[in-house]
PDB file of N, CA and C in Angstrom:
ATOM      1  N   UNK A   1     -60.328   7.033  -9.498  1.00  0.00           N
ATOM      2  CA  UNK A   1     -61.593   7.437  -8.613  1.00  0.00           C
ATOM      3  C   UNK A   1     -62.863   6.684  -8.907  1.00  0.00           C
ATOM      4  N   UNK A   2     -63.765   6.857  -8.000  1.00  0.00           N
ATOM      5  CA  UNK A   2     -64.974   6.116  -8.117  1.00  0.00           C
ATOM      6  C   UNK A   2     -65.871   6.936  -6.958  1.00  0.00           C
ATOM      7  N   UNK A   3     -67.043   7.603  -7.147  1.00  0.00           N
ATOM      8  CA  UNK A   3     -68.006   7.789  -6.227  1.00  0.00           C
ATOM      9  C   UNK A   3     -69.086   6.914  -5.885  1.00  0.00           C
ATOM     10  N   UNK A   4     -69.475   6.466  -5.139  1.00  0.00           N
ATOM     11  CA  UNK A   4     -70.339   5.382  -4.332  1.00  0.00           C
ATOM     12  C   UNK A   4     -71.373   4.734  -5.376  1.00  0.00           C
ATOM     13  N   UNK A   5     -71.959   5.611  -6.152  1.00  0.00           N
ATOM     14  CA  UNK A   5     -72.638   4.712  -7.237  1.00  0.00           C
ATOM     15  C   UNK A   5     -72.211   3.685  -7.999  1.00  0.00           C
ATOM     16  N   UNK A   6     -70.966   4.669  -8.592  1.00  0.00           N
ATOM     17  CA  UNK A   6     -69.864   3.826  -9.328  1.00  0.00           C
ATOM     18  C   UNK A   6     -69.305   3.001  -8.275  1.00  0.00           C
ATOM     19  N   UNK A   7     -69.033   2.538  -7.213  1.00  0.00           N
ATOM     20  CA  UNK A   7     -68.501   1.519  -5.854  1.00  0.00           C
ATOM     21  C   UNK A   7     -69.795   0.575  -5.965  1.00  0.00           C
ATOM     22  N   UNK A   8     -70.698   0.787  -6.098  1.00  0.00           N
ATOM     23  CA  UNK A   8     -71.499  -0.123  -5.686  1.00  0.00           C
ATOM     24  C   UNK A   8     -72.118  -0.728  -6.929  1.00  0.00           C
ATOM     25  N   UNK A   9     -72.441  -0.206  -8.170  1.00  0.00           N
ATOM     26  CA  UNK A   9     -72.346  -1.016  -9.589  1.00  0.00           C
ATOM     27  C   UNK A   9     -71.310  -1.797  -9.586  1.00  0.00           C
ATOM     28  N   UNK A  10     -69.981  -1.503  -9.726  1.00  0.00           N
ATOM     29  CA  UNK A  10     -68.629  -2.240  -9.704  1.00  0.00           C
ATOM     30  C   UNK A  10     -69.218  -3.891  -8.552  1.00  0.00           C
ATOM     31  N   UNK A  11     -69.571  -3.668  -7.627  1.00  0.00           N
ATOM     32  CA  UNK A  11     -69.235  -4.878  -6.651  1.00  0.00           C
ATOM     33  C   UNK A  11     -70.942  -5.782  -7.279  1.00  0.00           C
ATOM     34  N   UNK A  12     -71.606  -5.031  -8.085  1.00  0.00           N
ATOM     35  CA  UNK A  12     -72.822  -6.109  -8.035  1.00  0.00           C
ATOM     36  C   UNK A  12     -72.899  -6.528  -9.514  1.00  0.00           C
ATOM     37  N   UNK A  13     -71.187  -6.783 -10.233  1.00  0.00           N
ATOM     38  CA  UNK A  13     -70.916  -7.258 -11.214  1.00  0.00           C
ATOM     39  C   UNK A  13     -70.540  -8.365 -11.084  1.00  0.00           C
ATOM     40  N   UNK A  14     -70.132  -8.526  -9.284  1.00  0.00           N
ATOM     41  CA  UNK A  14     -69.584 -10.056  -9.073  1.00  0.00           C
ATOM     42  C   UNK A  14     -70.806 -10.804  -9.073  1.00  0.00           C
ATOM     43  N   UNK A  15     -70.857 -12.067  -9.588  1.00  0.00           N
ATOM     44  CA  UNK A  15     -71.060 -13.219  -9.497  1.00  0.00           C
ATOM     45  C   UNK A  15     -72.163 -13.361  -7.916  1.00  0.00           C
ATOM     46  N   UNK A  16     -73.228 -13.979  -8.349  1.00  0.00           N
ATOM     47  CA  UNK A  16     -73.913 -14.228  -6.792  1.00  0.00           C
ATOM     48  C   UNK A  16     -73.889 -12.884  -5.540  1.00  0.00           C
ATOM     49  N   UNK A  17     -73.307 -11.376  -6.240  1.00  0.00           N
ATOM     50  CA  UNK A  17     -73.760 -10.267  -5.754  1.00  0.00           C
ATOM     51  C   UNK A  17     -75.305 -10.267  -5.575  1.00  0.00           C
ATOM     52  N   UNK A  18     -76.261  -9.979  -4.183  1.00  0.00           N
ATOM     53  CA  UNK A  18     -77.409  -9.589  -3.749  1.00  0.00           C
ATOM     54  C   UNK A  18     -77.675  -8.384  -3.535  1.00  0.00           C
ATOM     55  N   UNK A  19     -76.552  -7.812  -3.063  1.00  0.00           N
ATOM     56  CA  UNK A  19     -76.724  -6.364  -2.150  1.00  0.00           C
ATOM     57  C   UNK A  19     -75.288  -5.761  -1.919  1.00  0.00           C
ATOM     58  N   UNK A  20     -75.145  -4.535  -2.022  1.00  0.00           N
ATOM     59  CA  UNK A  20     -74.478  -4.077  -1.534  1.00  0.00           C
ATOM     60  C   UNK A  20     -74.193  -2.115  -1.190  1.00  0.00           C
ATOM     61  N   UNK A  21     -73.503  -2.207  -0.376  1.00  0.00           N
ATOM     62  CA  UNK A  21     -73.885  -0.695   0.225  1.00  0.00           C
ATOM     63  C   UNK A  21     -72.511   0.150   0.871  1.00  0.00           C
ATOM     64  N   UNK A  22     -72.410   1.526   1.106  1.00  0.00           N
ATOM     65  CA  UNK A  22     -71.452   1.982   1.341  1.00  0.00           C
ATOM     66  C   UNK A  22     -72.235   2.551   2.860  1.00  0.00           C
ATOM     67  N   UNK A  23     -71.904   2.700   4.474  1.00  0.00           N
ATOM     68  CA  UNK A  23     -72.265   3.063   5.248  1.00  0.00           C
ATOM     69  C   UNK A  23     -71.435   3.862   6.035  1.00  0.00           C
ATOM     70  N   UNK A  24     -71.623   4.745   6.848  1.00  0.00           N
ATOM     71  CA  UNK A  24     -71.086   5.484   8.038  1.00  0.00           C
ATOM     72  C   UNK A  24     -71.194   5.311   9.496  1.00  0.00           C
ATOM     73  N   UNK A  25     -70.377   4.341   9.717  1.00  0.00           N
ATOM     74  CA  UNK A  25     -70.468   4.013  11.145  1.00  0.00           C
ATOM     75  C   UNK A  25     -70.179   4.867  12.165  1.00  0.00           C
ATOM     76  N   UNK A  26     -70.007   6.145  12.551  1.00  0.00           N
ATOM     77  CA  UNK A  26     -70.352   6.815  13.280  1.00  0.00           C
ATOM     78  C   UNK A  26     -71.274   7.392  13.690  1.00  0.00           C
ATOM     79  N   UNK A  27     -72.656   7.290  12.681  1.00  0.00           N
ATOM     80  CA  UNK A  27     -74.132   7.650  12.460  1.00  0.00           C
ATOM     81  C   UNK A  27     -74.875   6.650  12.383  1.00  0.00           C
ATOM     82  N   UNK A  28     -74.197   5.406  12.121  1.00  0.00           N
ATOM     83  CA  UNK A  28     -75.091   4.361  11.365  1.00  0.00           C
ATOM     84  C   UNK A  28     -76.108   4.463   9.840  1.00  0.00           C
ATOM     85  N   UNK A  29     -75.467   5.689   9.304  1.00  0.00           N
ATOM     86  CA  UNK A  29     -76.046   6.332   7.989  1.00  0.00           C
ATOM     87  C   UNK A  29     -76.296   5.634   7.039  1.00  0.00           C
ATOM     88  N   UNK A  30     -76.788   4.985   5.888  1.00  0.00           N
ATOM     89  CA  UNK A  30     -76.587   4.406   4.758  1.00  0.00           C
ATOM     90  C   UNK A  30     -76.303   5.612   3.868  1.00  0.00           C
ATOM     91  N   UNK A  31     -75.381   5.649   3.462  1.00  0.00           N
ATOM     92  CA  UNK A  31     -74.889   6.461   2.257  1.00  0.00           C
ATOM     93  C   UNK A  31     -75.001   6.246   0.771  1.00  0.00           C
ATOM     94  N   UNK A  32     -75.331   4.874   0.431  1.00  0.00           N
ATOM     95  CA  UNK A  32     -75.436   4.211  -0.189  1.00  0.00           C
ATOM     96  C   UNK A  32     -76.008   2.797  -0.559  1.00  0.00           C
ATOM     97  N   UNK A  33     -76.527   2.257  -1.468  1.00  0.00           N
ATOM     98  CA  UNK A  33     -76.994   0.935  -1.429  1.00  0.00           C
ATOM     99  C   UNK A  33     -77.825   0.922  -2.708  1.00  0.00           C
ATOM    100  N   UNK A  34     -77.420  -0.753  -2.905  1.00  0.00           N
ATOM    101  CA  UNK A  34     -78.265  -1.280  -3.889  1.00  0.00           C
ATOM    102  C   UNK A  34     -78.249  -2.659  -3.958  1.00  0.00           C
ATOM    103  N   UNK A  35     -79.066  -3.491  -4.999  1.00  0.00           N
ATOM    104  CA  UNK A  35     -79.621  -4.828  -4.379  1.00  0.00           C
ATOM    105  C   UNK A  35     -80.773  -5.115  -4.141  1.00  0.00           C
ATOM    106  N   UNK A  36     -80.896  -6.232  -3.613  1.00  0.00           N
ATOM    107  CA  UNK A  36     -82.262  -6.750  -3.356  1.00  0.00           C
ATOM    108  C   UNK A  36     -82.116  -7.547  -1.860  1.00  0.00           C
ATOM    109  N   UNK A  37     -83.304  -8.104  -1.253  1.00  0.00           N
ATOM    110  CA  UNK A  37     -83.172  -9.210  -0.168  1.00  0.00           C
ATOM    111  C   UNK A  37     -82.924  -9.228   0.877  1.00  0.00           C
ATOM    112  N   UNK A  38     -82.119  -7.739   0.750  1.00  0.00           N
ATOM    113  CA  UNK A  38     -81.723  -7.066   2.630  1.00  0.00           C
ATOM    114  C   UNK A  38     -82.336  -5.860   2.705  1.00  0.00           C
ATOM    115  N   UNK A  39     -83.071  -5.220   3.935  1.00  0.00           N
ATOM    116  CA  UNK A  39     -83.164  -4.029   4.217  1.00  0.00           C
ATOM    117  C   UNK A  39     -82.011  -2.910   4.366  1.00  0.00           C
ATOM    118  N   UNK A  40     -81.593  -2.285   3.474  1.00  0.00           N
ATOM    119  CA  UNK A  40     -80.087  -2.078   3.683  1.00  0.00           C
ATOM    120  C   UNK A  40     -80.294  -0.775   4.412  1.00  0.00           C
ATOM    121  N   UNK A  41     -81.026   0.184   5.143  1.00  0.00           N
ATOM    122  CA  UNK A  41     -81.466   0.808   6.045  1.00  0.00           C
ATOM    123  C   UNK A  41     -81.244   0.225   7.332  1.00  0.00           C
ATOM    124  N   UNK A  42     -81.659  -1.034   7.610  1.00  0.00           N
ATOM    125  CA  UNK A  42     -81.726  -1.271   8.423  1.00  0.00           C
ATOM    126  C   UNK A  42     -80.438  -2.240   8.666  1.00  0.00           C
ATOM    127  N   UNK A  43     -79.354  -2.889   7.660  1.00  0.00           N
ATOM    128  CA  UNK A  43     -78.444  -3.676   8.184  1.00  0.00           C
ATOM    129  C   UNK A  43     -77.576  -2.483   8.299  1.00  0.00           C
ATOM    130  N   UNK A  44     -77.439  -1.503   7.615  1.00  0.00           N
ATOM    131  CA  UNK A  44     -76.295  -0.545   7.746  1.00  0.00           C
ATOM    132  C   UNK A  44     -76.538   0.003   9.212  1.00  0.00           C
ATOM    133  N   UNK A  45     -77.518   0.036  10.139  1.00  0.00           N
ATOM    134  CA  UNK A  45     -77.547   0.099  11.735  1.00  0.00           C
ATOM    135  C   UNK A  45     -76.919  -1.320  12.250  1.00  0.00           C
ATOM    136  N   UNK A  46     -76.973  -2.198  11.800  1.00  0.00           N
ATOM    137  CA  UNK A  46     -77.009  -3.394  12.713  1.00  0.00           C
ATOM    138  C   UNK A  46     -75.832  -3.423  12.651  1.00  0.00           C
ATOM    139  N   UNK A  47     -75.103  -3.352  10.796  1.00  0.00           N
ATOM    140  CA  UNK A  47     -73.640  -3.863  11.354  1.00  0.00           C
ATOM    141  C   UNK A  47     -72.834  -2.907  12.098  1.00  0.00           C
ATOM    142  N   UNK A  48     -73.228  -1.586  11.977  1.00  0.00           N
ATOM    143  CA  UNK A  48     -72.192  -0.486  12.642  1.00  0.00           C
ATOM    144  C   UNK A  48     -72.579  -0.914  13.274  1.00  0.00           C
ATOM    145  N   UNK A  49     -73.614  -1.677  14.515  1.00  0.00           N
ATOM    146  CA  UNK A  49     -72.937  -2.192  15.825  1.00  0.00           C
ATOM    147  C   UNK A  49     -72.169  -3.303  15.596  1.00  0.00           C
ATOM    148  N   UNK A  50     -72.141  -4.046  14.626  1.00  0.00           N
ATOM    149  CA  UNK A  50     -70.906  -4.741  14.991  1.00  0.00           C
ATOM    150  C   UNK A  50     -69.524  -4.377  14.609  1.00  0.00           C
ATOM    151  N   UNK A  51     -69.245  -3.087  13.756  1.00  0.00           N
ATOM    152  CA  UNK A  51     -68.379  -2.665  13.624  1.00  0.00           C
ATOM    153  C   UNK A  51     -67.675  -2.193  14.905  1.00  0.00           C
ATOM    154  N   UNK A  52     -68.692  -1.499  15.481  1.00  0.00           N
ATOM    155  CA  UNK A  52     -68.286  -0.542  16.817  1.00  0.00           C
ATOM    156  C   UNK A  52     -68.056  -1.636  18.248  1.00  0.00           C
ATOM    157  N   UNK A  53     -68.243  -2.545  18.052  1.00  0.00           N
ATOM    158  CA  UNK A  53     -68.267  -3.772  19.181  1.00  0.00           C
ATOM    159  C   UNK A  53     -67.114  -4.837  18.641  1.00  0.00           C
ATOM    160  N   UNK A  54     -66.691  -4.740  17.270  1.00  0.00           N
ATOM    161  CA  UNK A  54     -65.086  -4.916  17.639  1.00  0.00           C
ATOM    162  C   UNK A  54     -63.877  -4.255  17.481  1.00  0.00           C
ATOM    163  N   UNK A  55     -64.433  -3.208  17.356  1.00  0.00           N
ATOM    164  CA  UNK A  55     -63.317  -2.072  17.286  1.00  0.00           C
ATOM    165  C   UNK A  55     -63.028  -1.878  18.939  1.00  0.00           C
ATOM    166  N   UNK A  56     -64.457  -2.036  19.764  1.00  0.00           N
ATOM    167  CA  UNK A  56     -64.344  -1.682  21.297  1.00  0.00           C
ATOM    168  C   UNK A  56     -63.388  -2.620  21.901  1.00  0.00           C
ATOM    169  N   UNK A  57     -63.632  -3.902  21.369  1.00  0.00           N
ATOM    170  CA  UNK A  57     -63.060  -5.191  21.497  1.00  0.00           C
ATOM    171  C   UNK A  57     -61.361  -5.473  21.658  1.00  0.00           C
ATOM    172  N   UNK A  58     -61.228  -4.701  20.384  1.00  0.00           N
ATOM    173  CA  UNK A  58     -59.818  -4.677  20.067  1.00  0.00           C
ATOM    174  C   UNK A  58     -59.261  -3.488  20.833  1.00  0.00           C
ATOM    175  N   UNK A  59     -59.754  -2.154  21.210  1.00  0.00           N
ATOM    176  CA  UNK A  59     -59.453  -1.435  22.242  1.00  0.00           C
ATOM    177  C   UNK A  59     -58.895  -2.474  23.504  1.00  0.00           C
ATOM    178  N   UNK A  60     -59.958  -2.866  23.733  1.00  0.00           N
ATOM    179  CA  UNK A  60     -59.917  -3.283  25.446  1.00  0.00           C
ATOM    180  C   UNK A  60     -58.502  -4.267  25.930  1.00  0.00           C
ATOM    181  N   UNK A  61     -58.130  -5.401  24.605  1.00  0.00           N
ATOM    182  CA  UNK A  61     -57.457  -6.211  24.430  1.00  0.00           C
ATOM    183  C   UNK A  61     -56.084  -5.309  24.082  1.00  0.00           C
ATOM    184  N   UNK A  62     -56.260  -4.526  23.733  1.00  0.00           N
ATOM    185  CA  UNK A  62     -54.949  -3.398  23.610  1.00  0.00           C
ATOM    186  C   UNK A  62     -54.608  -3.907  21.959  1.00  0.00           C
ATOM    187  N   UNK A  63     -55.358  -4.406  21.535  1.00  0.00           N
ATOM    188  CA  UNK A  63     -54.484  -5.029  20.194  1.00  0.00           C
ATOM    189  C   UNK A  63     -54.135  -3.543  19.008  1.00  0.00           C
ATOM    190  N   UNK A  64     -52.753  -3.449  18.244  1.00  0.00           N
ATOM    191  CA  UNK A  64     -52.537  -2.597  17.719  1.00  0.00           C
ATOM    192  C   UNK A  64     -52.690  -3.097  15.994  1.00  0.00           C
ATOM    193  N   UNK A  65     -54.077  -3.040  15.167  1.00  0.00           N
ATOM    194  CA  UNK A  65     -54.423  -3.514  14.203  1.00  0.00           C
ATOM    195  C   UNK A  65     -55.332  -2.582  13.554  1.00  0.00           C
ATOM    196  N   UNK A  66     -55.573  -3.004  12.737  1.00  0.00           N
ATOM    197  CA  UNK A  66     -57.054  -2.673  12.243  1.00  0.00           C
ATOM    198  C   UNK A  66     -57.809  -3.772  11.618  1.00  0.00           C
ATOM    199  N   UNK A  67     -59.224  -3.239  11.423  1.00  0.00           N
ATOM    200  CA  UNK A  67     -59.770  -4.585  10.816  1.00  0.00           C
ATOM    201  C   UNK A  67     -60.253  -4.718   9.102  1.00  0.00           C
ATOM    202  N   UNK A  68     -59.718  -5.123   8.900  1.00  0.00           N
ATOM    203  CA  UNK A  68     -59.312  -5.678   7.107  1.00  0.00           C
ATOM    204  C   UNK A  68     -60.715  -6.045   6.674  1.00  0.00           C
ATOM    205  N   UNK A  69     -61.364  -6.864   7.011  1.00  0.00           N
ATOM    206  CA  UNK A  69     -63.155  -7.481   7.036  1.00  0.00           C
ATOM    207  C   UNK A  69     -63.408  -7.532   8.262  1.00  0.00           C
ATOM    208  N   UNK A  70     -64.404  -8.161   7.796  1.00  0.00           N
ATOM    209  CA  UNK A  70     -65.782  -8.897   8.982  1.00  0.00           C
ATOM    210  C   UNK A  70     -66.710  -9.821   8.192  1.00  0.00           C
ATOM    211  N   UNK A  71     -66.308 -11.115   8.070  1.00  0.00           N
ATOM    212  CA  UNK A  71     -67.254 -11.947   7.782  1.00  0.00           C
ATOM    213  C   UNK A  71     -68.356 -12.422   8.648  1.00  0.00           C
ATOM    214  N   UNK A  72     -69.522 -12.273   7.873  1.00  0.00           N
ATOM    215  CA  UNK A  72     -70.943 -13.586   8.616  1.00  0.00           C
ATOM    216  C   UNK A  72     -71.067 -14.467   7.932  1.00  0.00           C
ATOM    217  N   UNK A  73     -70.972 -15.265   8.218  1.00  0.00           N
ATOM    218  CA  UNK A  73     -71.796 -16.463   6.659  1.00  0.00           C
ATOM    219  C   UNK A  73     -72.789 -16.743   7.508  1.00  0.00           C
ATOM    220  N   UNK A  74     -73.946 -16.693   6.727  1.00  0.00           N
ATOM    221  CA  UNK A  74     -75.187 -17.398   7.518  1.00  0.00           C
ATOM    222  C   UNK A  74     -75.374 -18.657   6.196  1.00  0.00           C
ATOM    223  N   UNK A  75     -76.500 -19.357   6.439  1.00  0.00           N
ATOM    224  CA  UNK A  75     -77.012 -20.506   5.707  1.00  0.00           C
ATOM    225  C   UNK A  75     -76.808 -20.494   4.471  1.00  0.00           C
ATOM    226  N   UNK A  76     -77.054 -19.376   3.555  1.00  0.00           N
ATOM    227  CA  UNK A  76     -76.720 -19.518   2.390  1.00  0.00           C
ATOM    228  C   UNK A  76     -76.664 -18.082   1.638  1.00  0.00           C
ATOM    229  N   UNK A  77     -75.973 -17.212   2.426  1.00  0.00           N
ATOM    230  CA  UNK A  77     -75.119 -15.844   2.056  1.00  0.00           C
ATOM    231  C   UNK A  77     -73.769 -15.503   2.813  1.00  0.00           C
ATOM    232  N   UNK A  78     -73.029 -14.862   2.349  1.00  0.00           N
ATOM    233  CA  UNK A  78     -71.514 -14.157   2.779  1.00  0.00           C
ATOM    234  C   UNK A  78     -71.966 -12.917   3.104  1.00  0.00           C
ATOM    235  N   UNK A  79     -71.800 -12.501   4.479  1.00  0.00           N
ATOM    236  CA  UNK A  79     -71.702 -10.957   4.491  1.00  0.00           C
ATOM    237  C   UNK A  79     -70.869 -10.632   5.168  1.00  0.00           C
ATOM    238  N   UNK A  80     -70.058  -9.788   4.129  1.00  0.00           N
ATOM    239  CA  UNK A  80     -68.970  -8.603   4.084  1.00  0.00           C
ATOM    240  C   UNK A  80     -68.580  -7.815   4.681  1.00  0.00           C
ATOM    241  N   UNK A  81     -67.827  -6.932   5.973  1.00  0.00           N
ATOM    242  CA  UNK A  81     -68.193  -5.895   6.119  1.00  0.00           C
ATOM    243  C   UNK A  81     -66.850  -5.473   5.972  1.00  0.00           C
ATOM    244  N   UNK A  82     -66.132  -4.317   5.409  1.00  0.00           N
ATOM    245  CA  UNK A  82     -64.937  -3.871   5.100  1.00  0.00           C
ATOM    246  C   UNK A  82     -64.997  -2.576   5.323  1.00  0.00           C
ATOM    247  N   UNK A  83     -64.614  -2.324   6.823  1.00  0.00           N
ATOM    248  CA  UNK A  83     -64.425  -0.954   7.266  1.00  0.00           C
ATOM    249  C   UNK A  83     -62.643  -0.143   5.967  1.00  0.00           C
ATOM    250  N   UNK A  84     -63.433   1.137   5.391  1.00  0.00           N
ATOM    251  CA  UNK A  84     -62.299   1.904   4.351  1.00  0.00           C
ATOM    252  C   UNK A  84     -61.246   2.024   5.359  1.00  0.00           C
ATOM    253  N   UNK A  85     -59.911   2.297   4.926  1.00  0.00           N
ATOM    254  CA  UNK A  85     -58.626   2.550   5.407  1.00  0.00           C
ATOM    255  C   UNK A  85     -58.567   3.982   5.454  1.00  0.00           C
ATOM    256  N   UNK A  86     -58.750   4.489   3.632  1.00  0.00           N
ATOM    257  CA  UNK A  86     -58.630   6.165   3.546  1.00  0.00           C
ATOM    258  C   UNK A  86     -59.466   7.102   4.089  1.00  0.00           C
ATOM    259  N   UNK A  87     -60.713   5.973   3.785  1.00  0.00           N
ATOM    260  CA  UNK A  87     -62.229   7.371   3.903  1.00  0.00           C
ATOM    261  C   UNK A  87     -62.411   6.487   5.612  1.00  0.00           C
ATOM    262  N   UNK A  88     -61.698   7.459   6.636  1.00  0.00           N
ATOM    263  CA  UNK A  88     -62.202   6.981   8.226  1.00  0.00           C
ATOM    264  C   UNK A  88     -63.313   7.623   8.433  1.00  0.00           C
ATOM    265  N   UNK A  89     -64.313   6.306   9.150  1.00  0.00           N
ATOM    266  CA  UNK A  89     -66.089   6.157   9.733  1.00  0.00           C
ATOM    267  C   UNK A  89     -66.693   5.911   8.642  1.00  0.00           C
ATOM    268  N   UNK A  90     -66.266   5.149   7.888  1.00  0.00           N
ATOM    269  CA  UNK A  90     -66.949   4.239   6.552  1.00  0.00           C
ATOM    270  C   UNK A  90     -66.689   2.622   6.446  1.00  0.00           C
ATOM    271  N   UNK A  91     -67.744   2.227   5.851  1.00  0.00           N
ATOM    272  CA  UNK A  91     -67.587   0.800   5.549  1.00  0.00           C
ATOM    273  C   UNK A  91     -67.826   0.571   4.483  1.00  0.00           C
ATOM    274  N   UNK A  92     -67.908  -0.864   3.833  1.00  0.00           N
ATOM    275  CA  UNK A  92     -68.349  -1.082   2.608  1.00  0.00           C
ATOM    276  C   UNK A  92     -69.177  -2.288   3.196  1.00  0.00           C
ATOM    277  N   UNK A  93     -70.710  -2.877   2.775  1.00  0.00           N
ATOM    278  CA  UNK A  93     -71.239  -3.826   2.912  1.00  0.00           C
ATOM    279  C   UNK A  93     -71.719  -4.399   1.942  1.00  0.00           C
ATOM    280  N   UNK A  94     -71.155  -5.634   1.921  1.00  0.00           N
ATOM    281  CA  UNK A  94     -71.312  -6.607   0.462  1.00  0.00           C
ATOM    282  C   UNK A  94     -71.973  -8.397   0.667  1.00  0.00           C
ATOM    283  N   UNK A  95     -73.258  -8.456   0.152  1.00  0.00           N
ATOM    284  CA  UNK A  95     -73.927  -9.835   0.241  1.00  0.00           C
ATOM    285  C   UNK A  95     -73.490 -10.125  -0.610  1.00  0.00           C
ATOM    286  N   UNK A  96     -73.191 -11.591  -0.341  1.00  0.00           N
ATOM    287  CA  UNK A  96     -73.436 -12.693  -1.880  1.00  0.00           C
ATOM    288  C   UNK A  96     -74.226 -13.957  -1.504  1.00  0.00           C
ATOM    289  N   UNK A  97     -74.474 -14.509  -2.478  1.00  0.00           N
ATOM    290  CA  UNK A  97     -75.139 -15.701  -2.362  1.00  0.00           C
ATOM    291  C   UNK A  97     -74.009 -16.897  -2.204  1.00  0.00           C
ATOM    292  N   UNK A  98     -73.880 -17.466  -1.142  1.00  0.00           N
ATOM    293  CA  UNK A  98     -73.179 -18.464  -0.886  1.00  0.00           C
ATOM    294  C   UNK A  98     -72.828 -19.568  -1.925  1.00  0.00           C
ATOM    295  N   UNK A  99     -73.450 -20.170  -2.958  1.00  0.00           N
ATOM    296  CA  UNK A  99     -73.439 -20.963  -3.697  1.00  0.00           C
ATOM    297  C   UNK A  99     -73.373 -20.181  -4.727  1.00  0.00           C
ATOM    298  N   UNK A 100     -73.268 -19.115  -5.150  1.00  0.00           N
ATOM    299  CA  UNK A 100     -72.986 -18.594  -6.386  1.00  0.00           C
ATOM    300  C   UNK A 100     -71.515 -17.503  -6.676  1.00  0.00           C
ATOM    301  N   UNK A 101     -71.213 -17.733  -5.178  1.00  0.00           N
ATOM    302  CA  UNK A 101     -70.175 -16.221  -5.268  1.00  0.00           C
ATOM    303  C   UNK A 101     -68.958 -16.962  -4.860  1.00  0.00           C
ATOM    304  N   UNK A 102     -67.985 -16.233  -5.328  1.00  0.00           N
ATOM    305  CA  UNK A 102     -66.284 -16.972  -4.790  1.00  0.00           C
ATOM    306  C   UNK A 102     -65.872 -15.647  -3.596  1.00  0.00           C
ATOM    307  N   UNK A 103     -65.760 -16.213  -2.508  1.00  0.00           N
ATOM    308  CA  UNK A 103     -65.512 -15.726  -1.302  1.00  0.00           C
ATOM    309  C   UNK A 103     -64.222 -14.499  -1.210  1.00  0.00           C
ATOM    310  N   UNK A 104     -63.153 -15.589  -2.063  1.00  0.00           N
ATOM    311  CA  UNK A 104     -61.362 -15.077  -1.742  1.00  0.00           C
ATOM    312  C   UNK A 104     -61.955 -13.707  -2.906  1.00  0.00           C
ATOM    313  N   UNK A 105     -62.401 -14.066  -4.534  1.00  0.00           N
ATOM    314  CA  UNK A 105     -62.686 -12.903  -5.160  1.00  0.00           C
ATOM    315  C   UNK A 105     -63.722 -11.731  -4.403  1.00  0.00           C
ATOM    316  N   UNK A 106     -64.593 -11.624  -3.887  1.00  0.00           N
ATOM    317  CA  UNK A 106     -65.177 -10.727  -3.117  1.00  0.00           C
ATOM    318  C   UNK A 106     -64.269 -10.069  -2.457  1.00  0.00           C
ATOM    319  N   UNK A 107     -63.654 -10.554  -1.566  1.00  0.00           N
ATOM    320  CA  UNK A 107     -62.755  -9.794  -0.706  1.00  0.00           C
ATOM    321  C   UNK A 107     -61.884  -9.159  -1.290  1.00  0.00           C
ATOM    322  N   UNK A 108     -61.354  -9.314  -2.442  1.00  0.00           N
ATOM    323  CA  UNK A 108     -60.309  -9.192  -3.536  1.00  0.00           C
ATOM    324  C   UNK A 108     -60.780  -7.652  -3.849  1.00  0.00           C
ATOM    325  N   UNK A 109     -62.286  -8.289  -4.592  1.00  0.00           N
ATOM    326  CA  UNK A 109     -63.090  -6.420  -5.530  1.00  0.00           C
ATOM    327  C   UNK A 109     -63.265  -5.991  -4.349  1.00  0.00           C
ATOM    328  N   UNK A 110     -63.673  -6.348  -2.954  1.00  0.00           N
ATOM    329  CA  UNK A 110     -63.972  -5.084  -1.873  1.00  0.00           C
ATOM    330  C   UNK A 110     -62.661  -4.104  -1.665  1.00  0.00           C
ATOM    331  N   UNK A 111     -61.870  -5.129  -1.925  1.00  0.00           N
ATOM    332  CA  UNK A 111     -60.521  -4.051  -1.724  1.00  0.00           C
ATOM    333  C   UNK A 111     -60.039  -3.089  -2.652  1.00  0.00           C
ATOM    334  N   UNK A 112     -60.402  -3.846  -3.807  1.00  0.00           N
ATOM    335  CA  UNK A 112     -59.986  -2.679  -4.977  1.00  0.00           C
ATOM    336  C   UNK A 112     -60.701  -1.877  -5.311  1.00  0.00           C
ATOM    337  N   UNK A 113     -62.314  -1.793  -4.759  1.00  0.00           N
ATOM    338  CA  UNK A 113     -63.456  -0.800  -5.083  1.00  0.00           C
ATOM    339  C   UNK A 113     -63.163  -0.092  -4.317  1.00  0.00           C
ATOM    340  N   UNK A 114     -62.729   0.074  -2.296  1.00  0.00           N
ATOM    341  CA  UNK A 114     -61.993   0.463  -1.692  1.00  0.00           C
ATOM    342  C   UNK A 114     -61.217   1.605  -1.824  1.00  0.00           C
ATOM    343  N   UNK A 115     -60.075   1.374  -2.366  1.00  0.00           N
ATOM    344  CA  UNK A 115     -59.079   2.137  -2.888  1.00  0.00           C
ATOM    345  C   UNK A 115     -59.285   2.930  -4.106  1.00  0.00           C
ATOM    346  N   UNK A 116     -60.272   2.718  -5.036  1.00  0.00           N
ATOM    347  CA  UNK A 116     -60.866   4.115  -6.214  1.00  0.00           C
ATOM    348  C   UNK A 116     -61.831   4.916  -5.179  1.00  0.00           C
ATOM    349  N   UNK A 117     -62.928   4.650  -3.848  1.00  0.00           N
ATOM    350  CA  UNK A 117     -63.606   4.847  -3.684  1.00  0.00           C
ATOM    351  C   UNK A 117     -63.600   6.663  -3.356  1.00  0.00           C
ATOM    352  N   UNK A 118     -64.138   7.611  -3.298  1.00  0.00           N
ATOM    353  CA  UNK A 118     -64.055   8.524  -3.081  1.00  0.00           C
ATOM    354  C   UNK A 118     -65.277   9.431  -2.993  1.00  0.00           C
ATOM    355  N   UNK A 119     -65.350   9.969  -1.889  1.00  0.00           N
ATOM    356  CA  UNK A 119     -66.142  11.102  -1.001  1.00  0.00           C
ATOM    357  C   UNK A 119     -66.037  12.262  -1.488  1.00  0.00           C
TER     358      UNK A 119
END
């Protein structure tokens, strides 16, 4: 079991970690965040729209699936969005420096902290 602050601290131990957050995508509200280089309140609202758009598109396509994660690759950063499976309505947001971070490892770490997250 892990609370939001412990979860975020665990994510920030990852090589290349720049920022991390837990977001309620029903409201777009930032429930907790840490790191620098990203306005996490703004990112929470913007990425809420990304998650909602993808879920709406999947529904329109009749896909019977859930989102494991959404990857946005920028020039020098990876932005990972992972809707939580057991805590409906929340997602983890994780920003990595693409030169220092390992994307496969980051995805694995996100899955691990999600499993332990308790609200």
